[in-house]
């Protein structure tokens, strides 16, 4: 796929309005969690209007990219749903903090759709570099904010915890220069952190909480590695070729 056939993503008026609605919804959750419905309206409302034919702000390429991303989100959420059904039915399970279960699926749907959409617009290498950089800065900020103010626990924690963001920046740099080796390194890094954090070794709903961490920390590493290796083998074609 020629690089020129990919597009730069530019927000439309609808996207800007929906984004504002999402931000307002998150801000108002400090008043009541019912305002989270505004976030859902901003996230899914434009898509509903497009499918009903009431909103025509996207061309055929953009619609195909959205449908492809939605199908990818359906596949990943479907696999997760079957896994959770098997988990809950395989023994006596106590469900506490059930909102974590819904958060898991929201994180999974959003991350899958977001990554697939960007792959369609930017191509594999550019998307991987940008995704790793964005999540690297996000985790760097989270690590710093989680160790200052009332959360202060000493200089060692403040200096060491931000190092968890280092693999994102290092592998983003490697991905730009050596995509195939970077894909392998990304999968190795995901496996290392999976073992390091000892994920999914419990038998209660803490697995769900760990699932959210898995998606937002290991997810970018794992998905980027798969995307780079799949691209090298000719998979993941641009939806314009469909």
Protein backbone atom coordinates (compact mmCIF):
# COMPACT_ATOMS: atom_id res chain seq x y z
CA UNK A 1 0.00 0.00 0.00
CA UNK A 2 1.54 3.28 -1.06
CA UNK A 3 1.98 5.74 1.74
CA UNK A 4 0.21 8.42 -0.28
CA UNK A 5 -3.03 6.42 -0.17
CA UNK A 6 -3.32 6.90 3.56
CA UNK A 7 -4.86 10.04 4.95
CA UNK A 8 -4.15 12.44 7.74
CA UNK A 9 -6.99 12.43 10.23
CA UNK A 10 -8.65 15.83 10.59
CA UNK A 11 -11.50 16.51 13.02
CA UNK A 12 -14.84 17.57 11.56
CA UNK A 13 -17.34 19.89 13.22
CA UNK A 14 -19.22 16.81 14.38
CA UNK A 15 -16.03 15.35 15.90
CA UNK A 16 -15.25 18.61 17.70
CA UNK A 17 -18.80 18.87 19.07
CA UNK A 18 -18.76 15.22 20.16
CA UNK A 19 -15.33 15.70 21.76
CA UNK A 20 -16.60 18.70 23.70
CA UNK A 21 -19.60 16.68 24.88
CA UNK A 22 -17.27 13.91 26.07
CA UNK A 23 -15.10 16.34 28.03
CA UNK A 24 -18.12 18.01 29.62
CA UNK A 25 -19.55 14.60 30.53
CA UNK A 26 -16.35 13.51 32.23
CA UNK A 27 -16.12 16.82 34.07
CA UNK A 28 -19.71 16.59 35.32
CA UNK A 29 -19.18 13.09 36.72
CA UNK A 30 -17.83 14.92 39.78
CA UNK A 31 -21.44 16.02 40.29
CA UNK A 32 -23.18 12.77 39.34
CA UNK A 33 -22.12 9.65 37.48
CA UNK A 34 -25.34 9.90 35.45
CA UNK A 35 -23.54 12.57 33.44
CA UNK A 36 -21.34 9.77 32.09
CA UNK A 37 -24.23 9.21 29.67
CA UNK A 38 -23.10 12.42 27.94
CA UNK A 39 -19.78 10.71 27.28
CA UNK A 40 -21.63 7.80 25.71
CA UNK A 41 -23.73 10.20 23.63
CA UNK A 42 -20.63 11.99 22.37
CA UNK A 43 -18.86 8.70 21.65
CA UNK A 44 -21.60 6.73 19.92
CA UNK A 45 -24.18 9.36 18.96
CA UNK A 46 -22.54 10.51 15.70
CA UNK A 47 -22.15 6.91 14.56
CA UNK A 48 -25.82 6.19 15.22
CA UNK A 49 -26.83 9.26 13.20
CA UNK A 50 -24.57 8.21 10.32
CA UNK A 51 -26.01 4.70 10.23
CA UNK A 52 -29.53 6.15 10.17
CA UNK A 53 -28.58 8.37 7.24
CA UNK A 54 -29.15 11.62 9.16
CA UNK A 55 -25.49 12.66 9.17
CA UNK A 56 -23.35 12.63 6.04
CA UNK A 57 -20.06 14.14 7.19
CA UNK A 58 -17.84 11.22 6.09
CA UNK A 59 -16.96 9.89 2.64
CA UNK A 60 -16.87 6.25 1.58
CA UNK A 61 -13.27 5.72 2.66
CA UNK A 62 -13.97 7.06 6.13
CA UNK A 63 -17.13 4.97 6.47
CA UNK A 64 -15.23 1.82 5.47
CA UNK A 65 -12.49 2.61 7.95
CA UNK A 66 -15.09 3.06 10.71
CA UNK A 67 -16.88 -0.17 9.83
CA UNK A 68 -13.59 -2.08 9.76
CA UNK A 69 -12.58 -0.64 13.14
CA UNK A 70 -16.00 -1.49 14.53
CA UNK A 71 -15.67 -5.08 13.34
CA UNK A 72 -12.26 -5.36 15.01
CA UNK A 73 -13.78 -4.02 18.24
CA UNK A 74 -16.58 -6.59 17.92
CA UNK A 75 -14.06 -9.43 17.56
CA UNK A 76 -11.94 -8.44 20.55
CA UNK A 77 -14.93 -7.72 22.80
CA UNK A 78 -16.50 -11.01 21.72
CA UNK A 79 -13.43 -13.02 22.68
CA UNK A 80 -13.29 -11.20 26.03
CA UNK A 81 -16.99 -11.87 26.65
CA UNK A 82 -16.60 -15.60 26.04
CA UNK A 83 -13.59 -15.66 28.34
CA UNK A 84 -15.54 -13.97 31.14
CA UNK A 85 -18.54 -16.28 30.70
CA UNK A 86 -16.20 -19.26 31.01
CA UNK A 87 -14.54 -17.68 34.05
CA UNK A 88 -17.79 -16.99 35.92
CA UNK A 89 -19.33 -20.37 35.09
CA UNK A 90 -16.25 -22.43 35.94
CA UNK A 91 -16.67 -21.99 39.70
CA UNK A 92 -18.13 -19.94 42.51
CA UNK A 93 -17.36 -16.31 41.69
CA UNK A 94 -18.23 -13.30 43.82
CA UNK A 95 -18.87 -10.13 41.83
CA UNK A 96 -17.77 -6.99 43.65
CA UNK A 97 -17.40 -3.52 42.15
CA UNK A 98 -19.32 -4.60 39.06
CA UNK A 99 -18.64 -1.23 37.43
CA UNK A 100 -15.13 -2.53 36.79
CA UNK A 101 -16.63 -5.13 34.44
CA UNK A 102 -18.30 -2.43 32.34
CA UNK A 103 -15.10 -0.36 32.43
CA UNK A 104 -13.17 -3.33 31.07
CA UNK A 105 -15.40 -3.59 28.00
CA UNK A 106 -15.42 0.16 27.42
CA UNK A 107 -11.61 0.22 27.52
CA UNK A 108 -11.40 -2.79 25.22
CA UNK A 109 -13.90 -1.40 22.69
CA UNK A 110 -12.36 2.07 22.68
CA UNK A 111 -8.75 0.94 22.39
CA UNK A 112 -9.44 -1.55 19.58
CA UNK A 113 -11.57 0.88 17.58
CA UNK A 114 -9.10 3.73 18.11
CA UNK A 115 -6.05 1.72 17.02
CA UNK A 116 -7.79 0.21 13.98
CA UNK A 117 -9.05 3.62 12.85
CA UNK A 118 -5.60 5.17 13.05
CA UNK A 119 -4.05 2.25 11.15
CA UNK A 120 -6.49 2.95 8.31
CA UNK A 121 -5.65 6.66 8.19
CA UNK A 122 -1.94 6.72 8.92
CA UNK A 123 -0.58 3.30 8.01
CA UNK A 124 1.19 0.89 10.34
CA UNK A 125 4.56 2.49 11.06
CA UNK A 126 3.31 6.04 11.66
CA UNK A 127 0.44 4.77 13.82
CA UNK A 128 2.71 2.60 15.96
CA UNK A 129 5.16 5.44 16.58
CA UNK A 130 2.39 7.87 17.53
CA UNK A 131 0.45 5.38 19.66
CA UNK A 132 3.53 4.39 21.64
CA UNK A 133 4.51 8.03 22.12
CA UNK A 134 1.02 9.07 23.30
CA UNK A 135 0.70 6.20 25.76
CA UNK A 136 4.28 6.77 26.89
CA UNK A 137 3.50 10.37 27.81
CA UNK A 138 0.20 9.30 29.41
CA UNK A 139 1.88 6.76 31.67
CA UNK A 140 4.71 9.18 32.42
CA UNK A 141 2.20 11.78 33.58
CA UNK A 142 0.26 9.17 35.55
CA UNK A 143 3.44 7.97 37.28
CA UNK A 144 4.45 11.52 38.24
CA UNK A 145 0.99 12.63 39.43
CA UNK A 146 0.64 9.38 41.37
CA UNK A 147 3.74 10.22 43.41
CA UNK A 148 3.28 13.89 44.29
CA UNK A 149 1.07 15.81 46.68
CA UNK A 150 -0.96 13.58 48.99
CA UNK A 151 0.40 10.52 47.14
CA UNK A 152 4.03 11.39 47.98
CA UNK A 153 5.95 8.32 49.13
CA UNK A 154 9.54 9.47 48.67
CA UNK A 155 12.05 10.29 45.97
CA UNK A 156 12.81 6.66 45.03
CA UNK A 157 9.20 6.09 43.94
CA UNK A 158 9.08 9.39 42.05
CA UNK A 159 12.28 8.54 40.19
CA UNK A 160 11.62 4.84 39.55
CA UNK A 161 7.91 4.67 38.65
CA UNK A 162 8.24 6.96 35.58
CA UNK A 163 10.76 4.45 34.18
CA UNK A 164 7.77 2.26 33.26
CA UNK A 165 7.10 4.70 30.41
CA UNK A 166 10.63 4.31 29.00
CA UNK A 167 9.87 1.19 26.88
CA UNK A 168 7.17 3.12 25.02
CA UNK A 169 9.56 5.89 23.96
CA UNK A 170 12.48 3.56 23.20
CA UNK A 171 10.37 1.18 21.10
CA UNK A 172 8.70 4.10 19.30
CA UNK A 173 12.18 5.24 18.23
CA UNK A 174 13.15 1.71 17.17
CA UNK A 175 9.86 1.24 15.28
CA UNK A 176 10.58 4.24 13.10
CA UNK A 177 13.92 2.80 11.98
CA UNK A 178 13.62 -1.00 12.12
CA UNK A 179 9.90 -1.97 12.00
CA UNK A 180 10.26 -5.74 11.90
CA UNK A 181 12.77 -6.08 14.78
CA UNK A 182 10.69 -3.53 16.69
CA UNK A 183 7.61 -5.73 16.25
CA UNK A 184 9.43 -8.65 17.84
CA UNK A 185 10.78 -6.45 20.66
CA UNK A 186 7.29 -5.09 21.35
CA UNK A 187 5.91 -8.61 21.80
CA UNK A 188 8.86 -9.52 24.04
CA UNK A 189 8.26 -6.37 26.12
CA UNK A 190 4.55 -7.20 26.46
CA UNK A 191 5.40 -10.73 27.62
CA UNK A 192 7.99 -9.39 30.08
CA UNK A 193 5.56 -6.95 31.71
CA UNK A 194 2.86 -9.63 31.76
CA UNK A 195 5.18 -11.77 33.88
CA UNK A 196 6.56 -8.81 35.84
CA UNK A 197 3.10 -7.67 36.96
CA UNK A 198 2.02 -11.31 37.51
CA UNK A 199 -1.27 -10.67 35.72
CA UNK A 200 -4.32 -12.94 35.74
CA UNK A 201 -3.12 -15.19 38.56
CA UNK A 202 -6.12 -14.65 40.83
CA UNK A 203 -9.51 -16.30 40.98
CA UNK A 204 -11.76 -13.32 41.72
CA UNK A 205 -12.96 -10.13 40.03
CA UNK A 206 -9.55 -8.52 40.55
CA UNK A 207 -8.90 -10.18 37.19
CA UNK A 208 -11.25 -7.65 35.64
CA UNK A 209 -9.33 -4.72 37.14
CA UNK A 210 -6.12 -6.28 35.87
CA UNK A 211 -7.77 -6.58 32.47
CA UNK A 212 -8.17 -2.80 32.27
CA UNK A 213 -4.49 -2.36 33.16
CA UNK A 214 -3.59 -5.00 30.58
CA UNK A 215 -5.47 -3.12 27.84
CA UNK A 216 -4.10 0.33 28.63
CA UNK A 217 -0.50 -0.67 29.44
CA UNK A 218 0.29 -3.93 27.65
CA UNK A 219 -2.31 -3.33 24.94
CA UNK A 220 -0.32 -0.64 23.06
CA UNK A 221 2.83 -2.80 23.17
CA UNK A 222 1.09 -6.00 22.11
CA UNK A 223 -1.13 -4.45 19.42
CA UNK A 224 1.75 -2.40 17.98
CA UNK A 225 3.96 -5.48 17.77
CA UNK A 226 1.27 -7.52 16.03
CA UNK A 227 0.51 -4.64 13.65
CA UNK A 228 4.16 -4.27 12.62
CA UNK A 229 4.67 -8.00 12.05
CA UNK A 230 1.33 -8.35 10.23
CA UNK A 231 2.21 -5.41 8.00
CA UNK A 232 5.48 -7.09 7.06
CA UNK A 233 3.47 -10.11 5.88
CA UNK A 234 0.95 -8.10 3.88
CA UNK A 235 -1.99 -8.26 6.28
CA UNK A 236 -4.09 -5.35 7.51
CA UNK A 237 -4.80 -3.79 4.14
CA UNK A 238 -6.15 -0.28 3.84
CA UNK A 239 -9.97 -0.34 3.68
CA UNK A 240 -9.81 1.58 0.39
CA UNK A 241 -8.77 -1.73 -1.22
CA UNK A 242 -11.91 -3.50 -0.01
